[in-house]
């Protein structure tokens, strides 16, 4: 699963299933042993959990990069490599 960004110990990844139906556009956020899945439109937690602070950081980052996340989703679903996305600083 390609890594799109990494910030404050959080890793953002997105799955690709070329030529196969996949769920609605979403990404996975990993922090230590926790995993959360967020939809892209709107940015919303749909599965898993993160500690409160990390959850807020992921939501803020995703809001800032929503268009880039959607572009990467489309690239991955057609078998192309996604572009890295700037981390929070």
PDB file of N, CA and C in Angstrom:
ATOM      1  N   UNK A   1       0.849  -1.166   0.000  1.00  0.00           N
ATOM      2  CA  UNK A   1       0.000   0.000   0.000  1.00  0.00           C
ATOM      3  C   UNK A   1       0.899   1.234   0.000  1.00  0.00           C
ATOM      4  N   UNK A   2       0.774   2.099  -0.999  1.00  0.00           N
ATOM      5  CA  UNK A   2       1.647   3.276  -1.089  1.00  0.00           C
ATOM      6  C   UNK A   2       1.467   4.246   0.076  1.00  0.00           C
ATOM      7  N   UNK A   3       2.586   4.767   0.521  1.00  0.00           N
ATOM      8  CA  UNK A   3       2.586   5.796   1.557  1.00  0.00           C
ATOM      9  C   UNK A   3       2.489   7.148   0.876  1.00  0.00           C
ATOM     10  N   UNK A   4       1.522   7.957   1.295  1.00  0.00           N
ATOM     11  CA  UNK A   4       1.333   9.274   0.702  1.00  0.00           C
ATOM     12  C   UNK A   4       1.992  10.386   1.501  1.00  0.00           C
ATOM     13  N   UNK A   5       2.009  10.232   2.826  1.00  0.00           N
ATOM     14  CA  UNK A   5       2.562  11.283   3.678  1.00  0.00           C
ATOM     15  C   UNK A   5       2.890  10.704   5.049  1.00  0.00           C
ATOM     16  N   UNK A   6       3.729  11.440   5.778  1.00  0.00           N
ATOM     17  CA  UNK A   6       4.118  11.042   7.131  1.00  0.00           C
ATOM     18  C   UNK A   6       4.383  12.313   7.928  1.00  0.00           C
ATOM     19  N   UNK A   7       3.734  12.424   9.096  1.00  0.00           N
ATOM     20  CA  UNK A   7       3.927  13.607   9.938  1.00  0.00           C
ATOM     21  C   UNK A   7       3.571  13.271  11.382  1.00  0.00           C
ATOM     22  N   UNK A   8       4.339  13.788  12.316  1.00  0.00           N
ATOM     23  CA  UNK A   8       4.108  13.619  13.758  1.00  0.00           C
ATOM     24  C   UNK A   8       3.832  12.167  14.148  1.00  0.00           C
ATOM     25  N   UNK A   9       4.546  11.242  13.539  1.00  0.00           N
ATOM     26  CA  UNK A   9       4.388   9.824  13.851  1.00  0.00           C
ATOM     27  C   UNK A   9       3.201   9.164  13.181  1.00  0.00           C
ATOM     28  N   UNK A  10       2.480   9.895  12.345  1.00  0.00           N
ATOM     29  CA  UNK A  10       1.305   9.381  11.631  1.00  0.00           C
ATOM     30  C   UNK A  10       1.718   9.051  10.202  1.00  0.00           C
ATOM     31  N   UNK A  11       1.293   7.898   9.714  1.00  0.00           N
ATOM     32  CA  UNK A  11       1.569   7.493   8.340  1.00  0.00           C
ATOM     33  C   UNK A  11       0.240   7.419   7.598  1.00  0.00           C
ATOM     34  N   UNK A  12       0.187   8.054   6.422  1.00  0.00           N
ATOM     35  CA  UNK A  12      -1.021   8.050   5.596  1.00  0.00           C
ATOM     36  C   UNK A  12      -0.761   7.156   4.387  1.00  0.00           C
ATOM     37  N   UNK A  13      -1.668   6.183   4.183  1.00  0.00           N
ATOM     38  CA  UNK A  13      -1.538   5.254   3.064  1.00  0.00           C
ATOM     39  C   UNK A  13      -2.875   5.122   2.350  1.00  0.00           C
ATOM     40  N   UNK A  14      -2.794   4.617   1.100  1.00  0.00           N
ATOM     41  CA  UNK A  14      -4.003   4.412   0.316  1.00  0.00           C
ATOM     42  C   UNK A  14      -3.854   3.117  -0.476  1.00  0.00           C
ATOM     43  N   UNK A  15      -4.889   2.299  -0.482  1.00  0.00           N
ATOM     44  CA  UNK A  15      -4.887   1.038  -1.229  1.00  0.00           C
ATOM     45  C   UNK A  15      -5.220   1.261  -2.692  1.00  0.00           C
ATOM     46  N   UNK A  16      -4.798   0.341  -3.522  1.00  0.00           N
ATOM     47  CA  UNK A  16      -5.160   0.333  -4.937  1.00  0.00           C
ATOM     48  C   UNK A  16      -5.686  -1.043  -5.299  1.00  0.00           C
ATOM     49  N   UNK A  17      -6.782  -1.071  -6.026  1.00  0.00           N
ATOM     50  CA  UNK A  17      -7.319  -2.311  -6.568  1.00  0.00           C
ATOM     51  C   UNK A  17      -7.609  -2.052  -8.033  1.00  0.00           C
ATOM     52  N   UNK A  18      -6.597  -2.173  -8.848  1.00  0.00           N
ATOM     53  CA  UNK A  18      -6.715  -1.870 -10.267  1.00  0.00           C
ATOM     54  C   UNK A  18      -7.747  -2.788 -10.917  1.00  0.00           C
ATOM     55  N   UNK A  19      -8.639  -2.180 -11.700  1.00  0.00           N
ATOM     56  CA  UNK A  19      -9.683  -2.899 -12.443  1.00  0.00           C
ATOM     57  C   UNK A  19     -10.608  -3.713 -11.553  1.00  0.00           C
ATOM     58  N   UNK A  20     -10.724  -3.320 -10.308  1.00  0.00           N
ATOM     59  CA  UNK A  20     -11.640  -4.007  -9.394  1.00  0.00           C
ATOM     60  C   UNK A  20     -12.435  -2.944  -8.641  1.00  0.00           C
ATOM     61  N   UNK A  21     -13.706  -3.211  -8.386  1.00  0.00           N
ATOM     62  CA  UNK A  21     -14.473  -2.217  -7.619  1.00  0.00           C
ATOM     63  C   UNK A  21     -13.913  -2.101  -6.208  1.00  0.00           C
ATOM     64  N   UNK A  22     -13.842  -0.926  -5.721  1.00  0.00           N
ATOM     65  CA  UNK A  22     -13.325  -0.673  -4.384  1.00  0.00           C
ATOM     66  C   UNK A  22     -14.386   0.132  -3.646  1.00  0.00           C
ATOM     67  N   UNK A  23     -14.179   0.312  -2.386  1.00  0.00           N
ATOM     68  CA  UNK A  23     -15.098   1.106  -1.568  1.00  0.00           C
ATOM     69  C   UNK A  23     -15.056   2.561  -2.017  1.00  0.00           C
ATOM     70  N   UNK A  24     -15.826   3.380  -1.346  1.00  0.00           N
ATOM     71  CA  UNK A  24     -15.773   4.805  -1.660  1.00  0.00           C
ATOM     72  C   UNK A  24     -14.357   5.326  -1.417  1.00  0.00           C
ATOM     73  N   UNK A  25     -13.964   6.425  -2.064  1.00  0.00           N
ATOM     74  CA  UNK A  25     -12.616   6.954  -1.897  1.00  0.00           C
ATOM     75  C   UNK A  25     -12.284   7.175  -0.423  1.00  0.00           C
ATOM     76  N   UNK A  26     -11.137   6.642  -0.007  1.00  0.00           N
ATOM     77  CA  UNK A  26     -10.745   6.733   1.395  1.00  0.00           C
ATOM     78  C   UNK A  26      -9.233   6.543   1.535  1.00  0.00           C
ATOM     79  N   UNK A  27      -8.739   6.833   2.727  1.00  0.00           N
ATOM     80  CA  UNK A  27      -7.325   6.594   3.033  1.00  0.00           C
ATOM     81  C   UNK A  27      -7.227   6.014   4.429  1.00  0.00           C
ATOM     82  N   UNK A  28      -6.055   5.455   4.726  1.00  0.00           N
ATOM     83  CA  UNK A  28      -5.786   4.826   6.014  1.00  0.00           C
ATOM     84  C   UNK A  28      -4.737   5.658   6.746  1.00  0.00           C
ATOM     85  N   UNK A  29      -4.953   5.871   8.033  1.00  0.00           N
ATOM     86  CA  UNK A  29      -3.994   6.594   8.883  1.00  0.00           C
ATOM     87  C   UNK A  29      -3.520   5.642   9.973  1.00  0.00           C
ATOM     88  N   UNK A  30      -2.204   5.567  10.140  1.00  0.00           N
ATOM     89  CA  UNK A  30      -1.594   4.680  11.132  1.00  0.00           C
ATOM     90  C   UNK A  30      -0.828   5.516  12.149  1.00  0.00           C
ATOM     91  N   UNK A  31      -1.024   5.192  13.408  1.00  0.00           N
ATOM     92  CA  UNK A  31      -0.266   5.832  14.479  1.00  0.00           C
ATOM     93  C   UNK A  31      -0.004   4.766  15.539  1.00  0.00           C
ATOM     94  N   UNK A  32       1.255   4.433  15.731  1.00  0.00           N
ATOM     95  CA  UNK A  32       1.656   3.354  16.642  1.00  0.00           C
ATOM     96  C   UNK A  32       0.865   2.093  16.301  1.00  0.00           C
ATOM     97  N   UNK A  33       0.072   1.561  17.216  1.00  0.00           N
ATOM     98  CA  UNK A  33      -0.701   0.338  16.947  1.00  0.00           C
ATOM     99  C   UNK A  33      -2.131   0.631  16.504  1.00  0.00           C
ATOM    100  N   UNK A  34      -2.456   1.877  16.293  1.00  0.00           N
ATOM    101  CA  UNK A  34      -3.825   2.278  15.929  1.00  0.00           C
ATOM    102  C   UNK A  34      -3.939   2.502  14.421  1.00  0.00           C
ATOM    103  N   UNK A  35      -5.114   2.181  13.893  1.00  0.00           N
ATOM    104  CA  UNK A  35      -5.407   2.399  12.474  1.00  0.00           C
ATOM    105  C   UNK A  35      -6.794   3.006  12.364  1.00  0.00           C
ATOM    106  N   UNK A  36      -6.922   4.012  11.498  1.00  0.00           N
ATOM    107  CA  UNK A  36      -8.216   4.626  11.240  1.00  0.00           C
ATOM    108  C   UNK A  36      -8.380   4.796   9.737  1.00  0.00           C
ATOM    109  N   UNK A  37      -9.621   4.706   9.277  1.00  0.00           N
ATOM    110  CA  UNK A  37      -9.923   4.880   7.858  1.00  0.00           C
ATOM    111  C   UNK A  37     -10.862   6.079   7.729  1.00  0.00           C
ATOM    112  N   UNK A  38     -10.522   6.969   6.772  1.00  0.00           N
ATOM    113  CA  UNK A  38     -11.271   8.201   6.557  1.00  0.00           C
ATOM    114  C   UNK A  38     -11.739   8.283   5.111  1.00  0.00           C
ATOM    115  N   UNK A  39     -12.989   8.710   4.911  1.00  0.00           N
ATOM    116  CA  UNK A  39     -13.469   8.983   3.560  1.00  0.00           C
ATOM    117  C   UNK A  39     -12.905  10.323   3.099  1.00  0.00           C
ATOM    118  N   UNK A  40     -12.968  10.542   1.774  1.00  0.00           N
ATOM    119  CA  UNK A  40     -12.414  11.773   1.211  1.00  0.00           C
ATOM    120  C   UNK A  40     -13.446  12.876   1.032  1.00  0.00           C
ATOM    121  N   UNK A  41     -14.675  12.512   0.731  1.00  0.00           N
ATOM    122  CA  UNK A  41     -15.701  13.540   0.515  1.00  0.00           C
ATOM    123  C   UNK A  41     -16.981  13.145   1.217  1.00  0.00           C
ATOM    124  N   UNK A  42     -17.245  13.630   2.386  1.00  0.00           N
ATOM    125  CA  UNK A  42     -16.418  14.543   3.180  1.00  0.00           C
ATOM    126  C   UNK A  42     -15.327  13.775   3.932  1.00  0.00           C
ATOM    127  N   UNK A  43     -14.416  14.517   4.529  1.00  0.00           N
ATOM    128  CA  UNK A  43     -13.406  13.893   5.387  1.00  0.00           C
ATOM    129  C   UNK A  43     -14.142  13.408   6.630  1.00  0.00           C
ATOM    130  N   UNK A  44     -14.178  12.093   6.789  1.00  0.00           N
ATOM    131  CA  UNK A  44     -14.954  11.534   7.891  1.00  0.00           C
ATOM    132  C   UNK A  44     -14.358  10.196   8.312  1.00  0.00           C
ATOM    133  N   UNK A  45     -14.247   9.969   9.596  1.00  0.00           N
ATOM    134  CA  UNK A  45     -13.772   8.698  10.135  1.00  0.00           C
ATOM    135  C   UNK A  45     -14.856   7.646   9.921  1.00  0.00           C
ATOM    136  N   UNK A  46     -14.499   6.529   9.237  1.00  0.00           N
ATOM    137  CA  UNK A  46     -15.503   5.486   8.989  1.00  0.00           C
ATOM    138  C   UNK A  46     -15.164   4.166   9.674  1.00  0.00           C
ATOM    139  N   UNK A  47     -13.924   3.996  10.106  1.00  0.00           N
ATOM    140  CA  UNK A  47     -13.549   2.756  10.795  1.00  0.00           C
ATOM    141  C   UNK A  47     -12.286   2.989  11.607  1.00  0.00           C
ATOM    142  N   UNK A  48     -12.124   2.207  12.658  1.00  0.00           N
ATOM    143  CA  UNK A  48     -10.935   2.292  13.495  1.00  0.00           C
ATOM    144  C   UNK A  48     -10.947   3.525  14.372  1.00  0.00           C
ATOM    145  N   UNK A  49      -9.767   3.814  14.929  1.00  0.00           N
ATOM    146  CA  UNK A  49      -9.653   4.987  15.799  1.00  0.00           C
ATOM    147  C   UNK A  49      -8.193   5.384  15.947  1.00  0.00           C
ATOM    148  N   UNK A  50      -8.004   6.622  16.298  1.00  0.00           N
ATOM    149  CA  UNK A  50      -6.698   7.178  16.647  1.00  0.00           C
ATOM    150  C   UNK A  50      -6.880   7.949  17.945  1.00  0.00           C
ATOM    151  N   UNK A  51      -5.800   8.187  18.688  1.00  0.00           N
ATOM    152  CA  UNK A  51      -5.919   9.079  19.844  1.00  0.00           C
ATOM    153  C   UNK A  51      -6.453  10.448  19.382  1.00  0.00           C
ATOM    154  N   UNK A  52      -7.135  11.126  20.270  1.00  0.00           N
ATOM    155  CA  UNK A  52      -7.809  12.397  19.930  1.00  0.00           C
ATOM    156  C   UNK A  52      -6.900  13.389  19.188  1.00  0.00           C
ATOM    157  N   UNK A  53      -5.701  13.613  19.687  1.00  0.00           N
ATOM    158  CA  UNK A  53      -4.796  14.596  19.061  1.00  0.00           C
ATOM    159  C   UNK A  53      -4.445  14.178  17.640  1.00  0.00           C
ATOM    160  N   UNK A  54      -4.093  12.921  17.437  1.00  0.00           N
ATOM    161  CA  UNK A  54      -3.714  12.439  16.116  1.00  0.00           C
ATOM    162  C   UNK A  54      -4.917  12.458  15.167  1.00  0.00           C
ATOM    163  N   UNK A  55      -6.085  12.138  15.677  1.00  0.00           N
ATOM    164  CA  UNK A  55      -7.303  12.207  14.863  1.00  0.00           C
ATOM    165  C   UNK A  55      -7.515  13.624  14.338  1.00  0.00           C
ATOM    166  N   UNK A  56      -7.363  14.600  15.215  1.00  0.00           N
ATOM    167  CA  UNK A  56      -7.537  16.002  14.799  1.00  0.00           C
ATOM    168  C   UNK A  56      -6.475  16.424  13.783  1.00  0.00           C
ATOM    169  N   UNK A  57      -5.239  15.965  13.977  1.00  0.00           N
ATOM    170  CA  UNK A  57      -4.179  16.285  13.017  1.00  0.00           C
ATOM    171  C   UNK A  57      -4.484  15.684  11.650  1.00  0.00           C
ATOM    172  N   UNK A  58      -4.940  14.447  11.624  1.00  0.00           N
ATOM    173  CA  UNK A  58      -5.270  13.793  10.350  1.00  0.00           C
ATOM    174  C   UNK A  58      -6.419  14.535   9.666  1.00  0.00           C
ATOM    175  N   UNK A  59      -7.447  14.877  10.404  1.00  0.00           N
ATOM    176  CA  UNK A  59      -8.565  15.606   9.807  1.00  0.00           C
ATOM    177  C   UNK A  59      -8.111  16.948   9.231  1.00  0.00           C
ATOM    178  N   UNK A  60      -7.301  17.688   9.978  1.00  0.00           N
ATOM    179  CA  UNK A  60      -6.815  18.986   9.505  1.00  0.00           C
ATOM    180  C   UNK A  60      -5.974  18.816   8.244  1.00  0.00           C
ATOM    181  N   UNK A  61      -5.066  17.838   8.257  1.00  0.00           N
ATOM    182  CA  UNK A  61      -4.215  17.574   7.091  1.00  0.00           C
ATOM    183  C   UNK A  61      -5.073  17.203   5.885  1.00  0.00           C
ATOM    184  N   UNK A  62      -6.032  16.316   6.084  1.00  0.00           N
ATOM    185  CA  UNK A  62      -6.870  15.855   4.971  1.00  0.00           C
ATOM    186  C   UNK A  62      -7.713  16.990   4.392  1.00  0.00           C
ATOM    187  N   UNK A  63      -8.217  17.867   5.242  1.00  0.00           N
ATOM    188  CA  UNK A  63      -8.978  19.019   4.746  1.00  0.00           C
ATOM    189  C   UNK A  63      -8.100  19.900   3.858  1.00  0.00           C
ATOM    190  N   UNK A  64      -6.858  20.104   4.270  1.00  0.00           N
ATOM    191  CA  UNK A  64      -5.927  20.930   3.484  1.00  0.00           C
ATOM    192  C   UNK A  64      -5.558  20.282   2.156  1.00  0.00           C
ATOM    193  N   UNK A  65      -5.564  18.957   2.103  1.00  0.00           N
ATOM    194  CA  UNK A  65      -5.079  18.231   0.927  1.00  0.00           C
ATOM    195  C   UNK A  65      -6.149  17.360   0.275  1.00  0.00           C
ATOM    196  N   UNK A  66      -7.398  17.734   0.445  1.00  0.00           N
ATOM    197  CA  UNK A  66      -8.502  16.920  -0.060  1.00  0.00           C
ATOM    198  C   UNK A  66      -8.418  16.710  -1.581  1.00  0.00           C
ATOM    199  N   UNK A  67      -8.124  17.748  -2.333  1.00  0.00           N
ATOM    200  CA  UNK A  67      -8.033  17.619  -3.793  1.00  0.00           C
ATOM    201  C   UNK A  67      -6.885  16.684  -4.185  1.00  0.00           C
ATOM    202  N   UNK A  68      -5.749  16.798  -3.510  1.00  0.00           N
ATOM    203  CA  UNK A  68      -4.605  15.926  -3.802  1.00  0.00           C
ATOM    204  C   UNK A  68      -4.920  14.471  -3.455  1.00  0.00           C
ATOM    205  N   UNK A  69      -5.629  14.262  -2.356  1.00  0.00           N
ATOM    206  CA  UNK A  69      -6.030  12.910  -1.974  1.00  0.00           C
ATOM    207  C   UNK A  69      -6.934  12.300  -3.044  1.00  0.00           C
ATOM    208  N   UNK A  70      -7.867  13.079  -3.560  1.00  0.00           N
ATOM    209  CA  UNK A  70      -8.769  12.577  -4.591  1.00  0.00           C
ATOM    210  C   UNK A  70      -8.001  12.266  -5.870  1.00  0.00           C
ATOM    211  N   UNK A  71      -7.047  13.104  -6.215  1.00  0.00           N
ATOM    212  CA  UNK A  71      -6.211  12.848  -7.394  1.00  0.00           C
ATOM    213  C   UNK A  71      -5.434  11.552  -7.214  1.00  0.00           C
ATOM    214  N   UNK A  72      -4.830  11.372  -6.042  1.00  0.00           N
ATOM    215  CA  UNK A  72      -4.084  10.139  -5.777  1.00  0.00           C
ATOM    216  C   UNK A  72      -5.000   8.918  -5.817  1.00  0.00           C
ATOM    217  N   UNK A  73      -6.212   9.053  -5.285  1.00  0.00           N
ATOM    218  CA  UNK A  73      -7.174   7.947  -5.341  1.00  0.00           C
ATOM    219  C   UNK A  73      -7.409   7.534  -6.796  1.00  0.00           C
ATOM    220  N   UNK A  74      -7.668   8.518  -7.641  1.00  0.00           N
ATOM    221  CA  UNK A  74      -7.934   8.225  -9.055  1.00  0.00           C
ATOM    222  C   UNK A  74      -6.730   7.615  -9.743  1.00  0.00           C
ATOM    223  N   UNK A  75      -5.547   8.103  -9.447  1.00  0.00           N
ATOM    224  CA  UNK A  75      -4.326   7.525 -10.022  1.00  0.00           C
ATOM    225  C   UNK A  75      -4.171   6.061  -9.618  1.00  0.00           C
ATOM    226  N   UNK A  76      -4.309   5.785  -8.342  1.00  0.00           N
ATOM    227  CA  UNK A  76      -4.141   4.416  -7.842  1.00  0.00           C
ATOM    228  C   UNK A  76      -5.158   3.458  -8.444  1.00  0.00           C
ATOM    229  N   UNK A  77      -6.389   3.903  -8.601  1.00  0.00           N
ATOM    230  CA  UNK A  77      -7.428   3.016  -9.104  1.00  0.00           C
ATOM    231  C   UNK A  77      -7.261   2.709 -10.593  1.00  0.00           C
ATOM    232  N   UNK A  78      -6.397   3.453 -11.268  1.00  0.00           N
ATOM    233  CA  UNK A  78      -6.107   3.169 -12.677  1.00  0.00           C
ATOM    234  C   UNK A  78      -4.710   2.592 -12.857  1.00  0.00           C
ATOM    235  N   UNK A  79      -4.103   2.167 -11.756  1.00  0.00           N
ATOM    236  CA  UNK A  79      -2.810   1.490 -11.833  1.00  0.00           C
ATOM    237  C   UNK A  79      -1.602   2.400 -11.899  1.00  0.00           C
ATOM    238  N   UNK A  80      -1.804   3.672 -11.672  1.00  0.00           N
ATOM    239  CA  UNK A  80      -0.679   4.605 -11.702  1.00  0.00           C
ATOM    240  C   UNK A  80      -0.194   4.922 -10.295  1.00  0.00           C
ATOM    241  N   UNK A  81       1.015   5.433 -10.228  1.00  0.00           N
ATOM    242  CA  UNK A  81       1.649   5.747  -8.947  1.00  0.00           C
ATOM    243  C   UNK A  81       1.122   7.080  -8.403  1.00  0.00           C
ATOM    244  N   UNK A  82       0.768   7.122  -7.108  1.00  0.00           N
ATOM    245  CA  UNK A  82       0.291   8.383  -6.531  1.00  0.00           C
ATOM    246  C   UNK A  82       1.455   9.332  -6.253  1.00  0.00           C
ATOM    247  N   UNK A  83       1.112  10.606  -6.148  1.00  0.00           N
ATOM    248  CA  UNK A  83       2.109  11.627  -5.826  1.00  0.00           C
ATOM    249  C   UNK A  83       2.182  11.780  -4.303  1.00  0.00           C
ATOM    250  N   UNK A  84       3.367  12.009  -3.767  1.00  0.00           N
ATOM    251  CA  UNK A  84       3.463  12.279  -2.319  1.00  0.00           C
ATOM    252  C   UNK A  84       2.715  13.569  -1.992  1.00  0.00           C
ATOM    253  N   UNK A  85       2.241  13.654  -0.772  1.00  0.00           N
ATOM    254  CA  UNK A  85       1.515  14.854  -0.323  1.00  0.00           C
ATOM    255  C   UNK A  85       2.289  15.444   0.861  1.00  0.00           C
ATOM    256  N   UNK A  86       2.419  16.767   0.844  1.00  0.00           N
ATOM    257  CA  UNK A  86       3.164  17.467   1.892  1.00  0.00           C
ATOM    258  C   UNK A  86       2.617  17.123   3.287  1.00  0.00           C
ATOM    259  N   UNK A  87       3.499  16.901   4.239  1.00  0.00           N
ATOM    260  CA  UNK A  87       3.054  16.631   5.608  1.00  0.00           C
ATOM    261  C   UNK A  87       2.674  17.935   6.329  1.00  0.00           C
ATOM    262  N   UNK A  88       2.041  17.782   7.470  1.00  0.00           N
ATOM    263  CA  UNK A  88       1.840  18.939   8.353  1.00  0.00           C
ATOM    264  C   UNK A  88       3.188  19.306   8.941  1.00  0.00           C
ATOM    265  N   UNK A  89       3.390  20.545   9.190  1.00  0.00           N
ATOM    266  CA  UNK A  89       4.652  21.004   9.793  1.00  0.00           C
ATOM    267  C   UNK A  89       4.368  21.831  11.008  1.00  0.00           C
TER     268      UNK A  89
END
